[in-house]
N, C-alpha and C. Protein backbone atom coordinates (compact mmCIF):
# COMPACT_ATOMS: atom_id res chain seq x y z
N ALA A 1 4.10 16.90 13.38
CA ALA A 1 3.25 16.73 12.22
C ALA A 1 2.15 15.75 12.55
N ARG A 2 0.99 15.97 12.00
CA ARG A 2 -0.12 15.04 12.15
C ARG A 2 -0.34 14.34 10.82
N VAL A 3 -0.53 13.03 10.91
CA VAL A 3 -0.73 12.21 9.72
C VAL A 3 -1.95 11.34 9.96
N ALA A 4 -2.83 11.30 8.98
CA ALA A 4 -4.01 10.43 9.06
C ALA A 4 -4.30 9.88 7.67
N PHE A 5 -4.89 8.71 7.65
CA PHE A 5 -5.25 8.07 6.39
C PHE A 5 -6.66 7.52 6.49
N GLY A 6 -7.37 7.62 5.38
CA GLY A 6 -8.64 6.93 5.21
C GLY A 6 -8.41 5.80 4.23
N GLY A 7 -9.31 4.85 4.20
CA GLY A 7 -9.20 3.74 3.25
C GLY A 7 -8.23 2.66 3.67
N MET A 8 -7.69 2.77 4.86
CA MET A 8 -6.76 1.75 5.35
C MET A 8 -7.47 0.75 6.26
N ALA A 9 -8.56 1.19 6.86
CA ALA A 9 -9.32 0.37 7.79
C ALA A 9 -10.78 0.81 7.69
N GLY A 10 -11.58 0.38 8.63
CA GLY A 10 -13.00 0.72 8.61
C GLY A 10 -13.28 2.21 8.71
N THR A 11 -12.43 2.93 9.44
CA THR A 11 -12.60 4.37 9.59
C THR A 11 -11.24 5.05 9.45
N PRO A 12 -11.22 6.32 9.06
CA PRO A 12 -9.96 7.05 8.99
C PRO A 12 -9.31 7.09 10.38
N ALA A 13 -7.98 7.09 10.41
CA ALA A 13 -7.28 7.08 11.69
C ALA A 13 -5.95 7.80 11.58
N ARG A 14 -5.49 8.31 12.73
CA ARG A 14 -4.18 8.93 12.81
C ARG A 14 -3.10 7.88 12.75
N ALA A 15 -1.97 8.24 12.20
CA ALA A 15 -0.79 7.37 12.11
C ALA A 15 0.21 7.85 13.15
N ARG A 16 0.00 7.49 14.40
CA ARG A 16 0.79 8.04 15.51
C ARG A 16 2.24 7.57 15.51
N VAL A 17 2.50 6.34 15.12
CA VAL A 17 3.89 5.86 15.05
C VAL A 17 4.63 6.63 13.95
N THR A 18 3.95 6.86 12.84
CA THR A 18 4.53 7.63 11.74
C THR A 18 4.79 9.07 12.18
N GLU A 19 3.85 9.65 12.90
CA GLU A 19 4.04 11.01 13.41
C GLU A 19 5.29 11.09 14.28
N ALA A 20 5.48 10.12 15.16
CA ALA A 20 6.67 10.11 16.03
C ALA A 20 7.94 9.95 15.20
N ALA A 21 7.90 9.09 14.20
CA ALA A 21 9.07 8.89 13.34
C ALA A 21 9.40 10.15 12.55
N LEU A 22 8.38 10.89 12.14
CA LEU A 22 8.62 12.12 11.39
C LEU A 22 9.37 13.16 12.23
N SER A 23 9.20 13.11 13.54
CA SER A 23 9.90 14.08 14.39
C SER A 23 11.41 13.86 14.39
N GLN A 24 11.84 12.69 13.92
CA GLN A 24 13.27 12.37 13.85
C GLN A 24 13.87 12.58 12.46
N VAL A 25 13.04 13.00 11.51
CA VAL A 25 13.48 13.15 10.12
C VAL A 25 14.27 14.44 9.94
N ASP A 26 15.36 14.34 9.22
CA ASP A 26 16.13 15.50 8.78
C ASP A 26 15.89 15.63 7.28
N LEU A 27 15.18 16.66 6.87
CA LEU A 27 14.82 16.81 5.46
C LEU A 27 16.03 16.86 4.54
N ASP A 28 17.17 17.29 5.07
CA ASP A 28 18.39 17.36 4.26
C ASP A 28 19.10 16.02 4.14
N GLN A 29 18.64 15.03 4.87
CA GLN A 29 19.27 13.70 4.88
C GLN A 29 18.21 12.66 4.51
N SER A 30 18.06 12.39 3.22
CA SER A 30 16.98 11.51 2.77
C SER A 30 17.07 10.10 3.35
N GLN A 31 18.25 9.68 3.80
CA GLN A 31 18.36 8.35 4.40
C GLN A 31 17.60 8.28 5.73
N THR A 32 17.27 9.43 6.33
CA THR A 32 16.50 9.42 7.58
C THR A 32 15.00 9.27 7.32
N TRP A 33 14.59 9.33 6.08
CA TRP A 33 13.17 9.27 5.75
C TRP A 33 12.59 7.87 5.87
N ASP A 34 13.41 6.85 5.67
CA ASP A 34 12.91 5.48 5.61
C ASP A 34 12.16 5.06 6.87
N ALA A 35 12.62 5.47 8.02
CA ALA A 35 11.95 5.10 9.27
C ALA A 35 10.52 5.64 9.30
N ALA A 36 10.33 6.86 8.82
CA ALA A 36 8.98 7.43 8.79
C ALA A 36 8.11 6.73 7.75
N VAL A 37 8.70 6.41 6.62
CA VAL A 37 7.95 5.76 5.54
C VAL A 37 7.51 4.36 5.97
N THR A 38 8.40 3.61 6.57
CA THR A 38 8.07 2.23 6.96
C THR A 38 7.24 2.17 8.23
N ALA A 39 7.20 3.24 9.02
CA ALA A 39 6.41 3.25 10.25
C ALA A 39 4.92 3.07 9.99
N ILE A 40 4.47 3.39 8.81
CA ILE A 40 3.05 3.24 8.49
C ILE A 40 2.59 1.81 8.69
N ALA A 41 3.46 0.85 8.43
CA ALA A 41 3.10 -0.55 8.62
C ALA A 41 2.83 -0.86 10.09
N SER A 42 3.39 -0.07 11.00
CA SER A 42 3.11 -0.25 12.43
C SER A 42 1.79 0.40 12.83
N ASP A 43 1.38 1.40 12.07
CA ASP A 43 0.14 2.11 12.38
C ASP A 43 -1.11 1.40 11.86
N PHE A 44 -0.97 0.70 10.75
CA PHE A 44 -2.15 0.14 10.09
C PHE A 44 -1.93 -1.30 9.66
N THR A 45 -2.98 -2.06 9.72
CA THR A 45 -3.07 -3.35 9.05
C THR A 45 -4.16 -3.16 8.01
N PRO A 46 -3.79 -2.73 6.81
CA PRO A 46 -4.80 -2.36 5.82
C PRO A 46 -5.71 -3.53 5.46
N LEU A 47 -6.92 -3.18 5.10
CA LEU A 47 -7.87 -4.19 4.67
C LEU A 47 -7.69 -4.48 3.18
N SER A 48 -8.08 -5.66 2.79
CA SER A 48 -8.13 -6.02 1.36
C SER A 48 -9.59 -6.19 1.00
N ASP A 49 -9.97 -5.63 -0.12
CA ASP A 49 -11.32 -5.84 -0.63
C ASP A 49 -11.29 -5.74 -2.14
N HIS A 50 -12.46 -5.65 -2.76
CA HIS A 50 -12.52 -5.61 -4.22
C HIS A 50 -11.96 -4.31 -4.80
N ARG A 51 -11.76 -3.30 -3.97
CA ARG A 51 -11.21 -2.03 -4.47
C ARG A 51 -9.68 -2.03 -4.51
N ALA A 52 -9.06 -2.63 -3.51
CA ALA A 52 -7.59 -2.64 -3.44
C ALA A 52 -7.12 -3.68 -2.43
N SER A 53 -5.94 -4.21 -2.69
CA SER A 53 -5.35 -5.16 -1.75
C SER A 53 -4.69 -4.41 -0.59
N ALA A 54 -4.45 -5.13 0.48
CA ALA A 54 -3.76 -4.54 1.63
C ALA A 54 -2.36 -4.06 1.24
N THR A 55 -1.69 -4.84 0.42
CA THR A 55 -0.34 -4.47 -0.02
C THR A 55 -0.37 -3.17 -0.82
N TYR A 56 -1.33 -3.04 -1.71
CA TYR A 56 -1.45 -1.83 -2.52
C TYR A 56 -1.72 -0.62 -1.62
N ARG A 57 -2.65 -0.75 -0.68
CA ARG A 57 -2.99 0.37 0.20
C ARG A 57 -1.78 0.82 1.02
N LEU A 58 -1.03 -0.14 1.53
CA LEU A 58 0.16 0.20 2.32
C LEU A 58 1.22 0.87 1.45
N THR A 59 1.41 0.37 0.25
CA THR A 59 2.40 0.95 -0.67
C THR A 59 2.03 2.39 -1.03
N VAL A 60 0.75 2.63 -1.30
CA VAL A 60 0.30 3.99 -1.64
C VAL A 60 0.53 4.93 -0.45
N ALA A 61 0.18 4.49 0.75
CA ALA A 61 0.38 5.33 1.93
C ALA A 61 1.86 5.66 2.13
N GLN A 62 2.71 4.67 1.97
CA GLN A 62 4.15 4.90 2.11
C GLN A 62 4.66 5.87 1.05
N ASN A 63 4.18 5.71 -0.17
CA ASN A 63 4.60 6.61 -1.25
C ASN A 63 4.12 8.03 -1.01
N LEU A 64 2.95 8.20 -0.42
CA LEU A 64 2.46 9.54 -0.11
C LEU A 64 3.34 10.23 0.93
N VAL A 65 3.75 9.49 1.95
CA VAL A 65 4.65 10.07 2.96
C VAL A 65 5.97 10.45 2.31
N ARG A 66 6.52 9.57 1.49
CA ARG A 66 7.79 9.87 0.81
C ARG A 66 7.63 11.10 -0.09
N LYS A 67 6.51 11.21 -0.80
CA LYS A 67 6.28 12.35 -1.70
C LYS A 67 6.24 13.66 -0.91
N VAL A 68 5.55 13.65 0.21
CA VAL A 68 5.48 14.87 1.03
C VAL A 68 6.87 15.25 1.53
N LEU A 69 7.66 14.27 1.96
CA LEU A 69 9.03 14.56 2.42
C LEU A 69 9.87 15.14 1.28
N MET A 70 9.72 14.60 0.09
CA MET A 70 10.46 15.12 -1.07
C MET A 70 10.05 16.55 -1.37
N GLU A 71 8.75 16.84 -1.30
CA GLU A 71 8.27 18.20 -1.56
C GLU A 71 8.79 19.17 -0.51
N LEU A 72 8.73 18.76 0.75
CA LEU A 72 9.22 19.64 1.81
C LEU A 72 10.71 19.90 1.68
N ALA A 73 11.47 18.86 1.36
CA ALA A 73 12.92 19.01 1.20
C ALA A 73 13.26 19.94 0.04
N ALA A 74 12.44 19.91 -1.00
CA ALA A 74 12.68 20.75 -2.17
C ALA A 74 12.11 22.16 -2.00
N GLY A 75 11.40 22.39 -0.90
CA GLY A 75 10.80 23.70 -0.68
C GLY A 75 9.58 23.95 -1.54
N VAL A 76 8.98 22.87 -2.02
CA VAL A 76 7.81 22.99 -2.89
C VAL A 76 6.58 23.26 -2.05
N THR A 77 5.84 24.27 -2.44
CA THR A 77 4.52 24.49 -1.85
C THR A 77 3.52 24.34 -2.96
N SER A 78 2.37 23.87 -2.63
CA SER A 78 1.40 23.58 -3.66
C SER A 78 0.05 24.20 -3.34
N ASP A 79 -0.53 24.83 -4.33
CA ASP A 79 -1.87 25.39 -4.17
C ASP A 79 -2.93 24.29 -4.18
N THR A 80 -2.54 23.07 -4.51
CA THR A 80 -3.52 21.99 -4.54
C THR A 80 -3.79 21.41 -3.16
N ARG A 81 -3.00 21.79 -2.18
CA ARG A 81 -3.27 21.33 -0.82
C ARG A 81 -4.37 22.22 -0.25
N ILE A 82 -5.40 21.60 0.25
CA ILE A 82 -6.58 22.33 0.71
C ILE A 82 -6.53 22.43 2.22
N ALA A 83 -6.68 23.63 2.74
CA ALA A 83 -6.65 23.84 4.18
C ALA A 83 -8.06 23.80 4.75
N TYR A 84 -8.23 23.09 5.83
CA TYR A 84 -9.49 23.07 6.58
C TYR A 84 -9.16 23.47 8.00
N GLY A 85 -9.46 24.70 8.36
CA GLY A 85 -9.10 25.17 9.69
C GLY A 85 -7.60 25.17 9.84
N ASP A 86 -7.13 24.49 10.90
CA ASP A 86 -5.68 24.44 11.11
C ASP A 86 -5.07 23.15 10.56
N ALA A 87 -5.87 22.34 9.88
CA ALA A 87 -5.36 21.10 9.27
C ALA A 87 -5.15 21.33 7.78
N HIS A 88 -4.25 20.58 7.20
CA HIS A 88 -3.98 20.69 5.77
C HIS A 88 -4.08 19.33 5.14
N VAL A 89 -4.69 19.31 3.98
CA VAL A 89 -4.88 18.05 3.25
C VAL A 89 -4.04 18.10 2.00
């Protein structure tokens, strides 16, 4: 899986540690998800500015990873995900 975030630093970037952690996730075992969720803190040192604090940005990114894992585990597919070429948003 490829994971990238914008709004965490000066430019959007891939979350390579998170990507590696996701390869170890068993969707049927939610206790295996925590390593992937917390790996984001290794990928980014979010910036704080007038729009959001670093803590808020990191929490949102972690929640997004957890949400995607929950959707995948439940077999949910969504028409709101927009495909661009071979990437999905």
